[in-house]
Protein backbone atom coordinates (compact mmCIF):
# COMPACT_ATOMS: atom_id res chain seq x y z
CA TRP A 1 -12.57 -10.09 -15.09
CA TYR A 2 -9.50 -12.29 -15.34
CA PHE A 3 -6.24 -11.50 -13.60
CA LEU A 4 -2.89 -13.11 -14.38
CA THR A 5 0.18 -12.39 -12.29
CA GLU A 6 3.38 -14.06 -11.22
CA ASP A 7 4.04 -15.79 -7.91
CA ASP A 8 6.46 -13.05 -6.82
CA THR A 9 3.82 -10.32 -6.96
CA VAL A 10 1.99 -8.91 -3.96
CA VAL A 11 -1.64 -8.15 -4.81
CA VAL A 12 -3.59 -5.58 -2.79
CA LYS A 13 -7.00 -7.18 -3.13
CA SER A 14 -8.99 -4.31 -1.64
CA ASN A 15 -7.54 -1.81 -4.14
CA LEU A 16 -8.00 -4.26 -7.03
CA ILE A 17 -11.65 -4.79 -6.10
CA GLN A 18 -12.24 -1.04 -5.70
CA MET A 19 -10.70 -0.37 -9.13
CA LEU A 20 -12.77 -3.13 -10.77
CA GLN A 21 -15.94 -1.75 -9.21
CA GLN A 22 -15.21 1.61 -10.87
CA PHE A 23 -14.82 -0.11 -14.23
CA SER A 24 -17.93 -2.23 -13.71
CA ASN A 25 -19.93 0.90 -12.87
CA ASN A 26 -18.86 2.29 -16.26
CA ASN A 27 -20.03 -0.87 -18.11
CA ALA A 28 -16.42 -1.74 -18.99
CA THR A 29 -17.08 -5.44 -18.40
CA SER A 30 -18.78 -5.64 -21.81
CA GLN A 31 -15.79 -3.96 -23.50
CA ASN A 32 -12.45 -5.45 -24.48
CA VAL A 33 -10.24 -4.23 -21.65
CA TYR A 34 -6.55 -5.19 -21.32
CA MET A 35 -4.70 -3.28 -18.61
CA GLY A 36 -1.92 -3.22 -16.08
CA LYS A 37 1.63 -1.82 -16.24
CA CYS A 38 1.95 -0.80 -19.89
CA VAL A 39 5.29 -0.98 -21.72
CA MET A 40 6.12 0.40 -25.13
CA THR A 41 8.78 -1.37 -27.21
CA LYS A 42 10.17 0.16 -30.37
CA SER A 43 12.38 -2.63 -31.67
CA GLY A 44 12.20 -6.36 -32.29
CA PRO A 45 10.39 -8.62 -34.73
CA GLN A 46 6.78 -8.08 -35.74
CA TYR A 47 4.34 -8.65 -32.84
CA GLN A 48 7.13 -7.86 -30.34
CA ARG A 49 6.97 -4.12 -31.04
CA GLY A 50 4.43 -1.73 -29.66
CA ALA A 51 2.52 -1.78 -26.39
CA PHE A 52 1.90 -4.72 -24.11
CA ILE A 53 1.03 -5.25 -20.45
CA MET A 54 3.81 -6.57 -18.20
CA GLY A 55 3.11 -9.93 -16.59
CA GLY A 56 5.10 -9.34 -13.39
CA PRO A 57 2.86 -6.58 -12.04
CA GLY A 58 -0.17 -8.36 -13.49
CA ILE A 59 -2.38 -8.51 -16.56
CA LEU A 60 -6.05 -7.73 -16.16
CA MET A 61 -8.51 -8.66 -18.92
CA SER A 62 -12.22 -8.26 -19.22
CA GLY A 63 -14.18 -11.46 -19.67
CA SER A 64 -15.37 -10.33 -23.09
CA LEU A 65 -11.78 -9.93 -24.34
CA LEU A 66 -10.67 -13.31 -23.01
CA ARG A 67 -13.71 -15.06 -24.51
CA SER A 68 -12.90 -13.44 -27.88
CA LEU A 69 -9.28 -14.54 -27.59
CA VAL A 70 -9.90 -18.22 -26.77
CA PRO A 71 -10.57 -19.39 -30.38
CA HIS A 72 -7.23 -17.83 -31.47
CA ILE A 73 -5.06 -19.48 -28.81
CA PRO A 74 -4.09 -22.63 -30.80
CA LYS A 75 -2.78 -20.51 -33.72
CA CYS A 76 -1.05 -18.11 -31.36
CA ARG A 77 0.68 -20.98 -29.56
CA GLN A 78 2.15 -22.12 -32.86
CA GLN A 79 2.95 -18.62 -34.09
CA PHE A 80 4.61 -17.35 -30.90
CA LEU A 81 6.15 -20.50 -29.43
CA THR A 82 9.64 -18.98 -29.67
CA PHE A 83 8.75 -15.85 -27.68
CA ARG A 84 10.35 -16.27 -24.25
CA GLN A 85 8.09 -14.06 -22.16
CA GLY A 86 4.48 -14.97 -21.57
CA ASP A 87 3.35 -11.35 -21.32
CA VAL A 88 4.83 -10.62 -24.75
CA ARG A 89 3.07 -13.73 -26.12
CA ILE A 90 -0.28 -12.51 -24.79
CA GLY A 91 0.18 -9.05 -26.31
CA ALA A 92 1.34 -10.57 -29.61
CA CYS A 93 -1.65 -12.94 -29.69
CA LEU A 94 -4.06 -10.06 -29.09
CA GLU A 95 -2.45 -8.07 -31.90
CA PHE A 96 -2.20 -11.08 -34.27
CA SER A 97 -5.89 -11.85 -33.67
CA GLY A 98 -6.96 -8.25 -34.23
CA LEU A 99 -8.17 -8.00 -30.63
CA LEU A 100 -5.60 -5.62 -29.16
CA PRO A 101 -7.62 -2.67 -27.86
CA ASP A 102 -6.67 0.65 -29.46
CA LYS A 103 -5.97 2.22 -26.10
CA ILE A 104 -4.11 0.10 -23.54
CA CYS A 105 -1.52 2.41 -21.98
CA ASN A 106 -3.91 4.98 -20.57
CA VAL A 107 -6.78 2.80 -19.42
CA LEU A 108 -6.01 2.63 -15.69
CA PRO A 109 -7.70 5.21 -13.51
CA THR A 110 -4.92 7.63 -12.56
CA LYS A 111 -4.93 6.85 -8.87
CA TYR A 112 -4.20 3.11 -9.31
CA LEU A 113 -0.77 1.60 -9.80
CA PHE A 114 0.48 -1.76 -11.05
CA SER A 115 4.13 -1.43 -10.01
CA SER A 116 7.08 -3.09 -11.67
CA LEU A 117 9.52 -1.07 -9.56
CA GLU A 118 11.12 -2.62 -6.52
CA PRO A 119 8.63 -1.55 -3.78
CA TRP A 120 11.20 0.29 -1.67
CA GLU A 121 12.31 2.48 -4.59
CA ALA A 122 8.72 3.00 -5.75
CA ALA A 123 7.67 4.15 -2.27
CA ARG A 124 10.49 6.64 -2.05
CA THR A 125 9.83 7.94 -5.58
CA ALA A 126 6.10 8.31 -4.92
CA ASN A 127 6.76 10.11 -1.62
CA ARG A 128 9.24 12.53 -3.20
CA ARG A 129 6.63 13.44 -5.80
CA GLY A 130 3.89 13.75 -3.17
CA ARG A 131 1.54 11.36 -4.98
CA LYS A 132 -0.81 8.93 -3.32
CA TYR A 133 -1.33 6.00 -5.63
CA SER A 134 -3.56 3.14 -4.56
CA ILE A 135 -1.30 0.16 -5.09
CA VAL A 136 -2.88 -2.74 -6.96
CA THR A 137 0.27 -4.87 -7.28
CA MET A 138 3.93 -4.82 -6.30
CA HIS A 139 6.39 -7.03 -8.14
CA GLU A 140 9.18 -8.11 -5.79
CA LYS A 141 11.82 -10.84 -6.25
CA ASP A 142 13.03 -11.33 -2.66
CA THR A 143 10.87 -13.96 -0.89
CA GLN A 144 11.50 -12.49 2.57
CA LYS A 145 10.30 -9.09 1.36
CA ILE A 146 7.26 -10.67 -0.35
CA THR A 147 6.24 -12.26 2.96
CA PHE A 148 6.73 -8.94 4.78
CA LEU A 149 4.78 -6.98 2.13
CA ASN A 150 1.88 -9.45 2.24
CA GLN A 151 1.71 -9.13 6.05
CA ALA A 152 1.88 -5.31 5.86
CA VAL A 153 -0.91 -5.21 3.25
CA GLN A 154 -3.10 -7.55 5.31
CA ASP A 155 -2.49 -5.39 8.39
CA LEU A 156 -3.46 -2.21 6.53
CA GLU A 157 -6.54 -3.84 5.02
CA ARG A 158 -7.66 -5.03 8.49
CA GLN A 159 -7.44 -1.38 9.56
CA ASN A 160 -9.56 -0.42 6.50
CA LYS A 161 -6.74 1.78 5.20
CA THR A 162 -6.20 2.31 1.50
CA VAL A 163 -2.80 0.85 0.68
CA THR A 164 -0.70 3.60 -0.89
CA TYR A 165 3.06 4.01 -1.02
CA GLY A 166 2.73 6.89 1.42
CA VAL A 167 1.13 4.57 4.01
CA LEU A 168 3.32 1.59 3.12
CA HIS A 169 6.50 3.68 3.39
CA ARG A 170 6.40 3.46 7.22
CA TYR A 171 6.27 -0.33 7.04
CA LEU A 172 9.17 -0.41 4.59
CA ASP A 173 11.24 1.81 6.89
CA GLN A 174 10.41 -0.50 9.80
CA TYR A 175 11.57 -3.48 7.74
CA ASP A 176 14.82 -1.69 6.84
CA ARG A 177 15.52 -0.73 10.48
CA HIS A 178 14.89 -4.29 11.66
CA ASN A 179 17.07 -5.84 8.99
CA ASN A 180 19.90 -3.32 9.44
CA THR A 181 19.84 -3.98 13.20
CA THR A 182 19.86 -7.78 12.84
CA SER A 183 22.49 -7.83 10.10
CA SER A 184 25.04 -5.73 12.08
């Protein structure tokens, strides 16, 4: 497995490993797997339409897919040099090379989440709906919040708790109370 994410993404390693073990148990490592937070685009030039995996929350690829992609990278670099976003370039290269798996938007096991939402909003949304997603990644822009989230995740993992938005919500509320108190 190969995992690409941005430096402003919090990764919950225990949930990522647990998810990968489920895929490995199903022999998915020998298949071309490309997964993460899927986005569908309906407009734009060729190779910028359709489905691709967002880079912020993270792109996960099976080793077999990446090995198949490597020989196509020089052509893709020339072909897609003008594409601004790296995640769009990766999706375009997979499609251009004929390697884009048929099914990419519904590959994740339903209980796992690569989140592109701001973590505070995602936690509140998940709690309102009563769902307990195991968080794999959280994409956050604020460096102070990234530090806090990493510490909260490490704390939960030390307690052998599965990191879900339901569990993380208490930490986020604690952060909000602390910051509202200190900013007054």
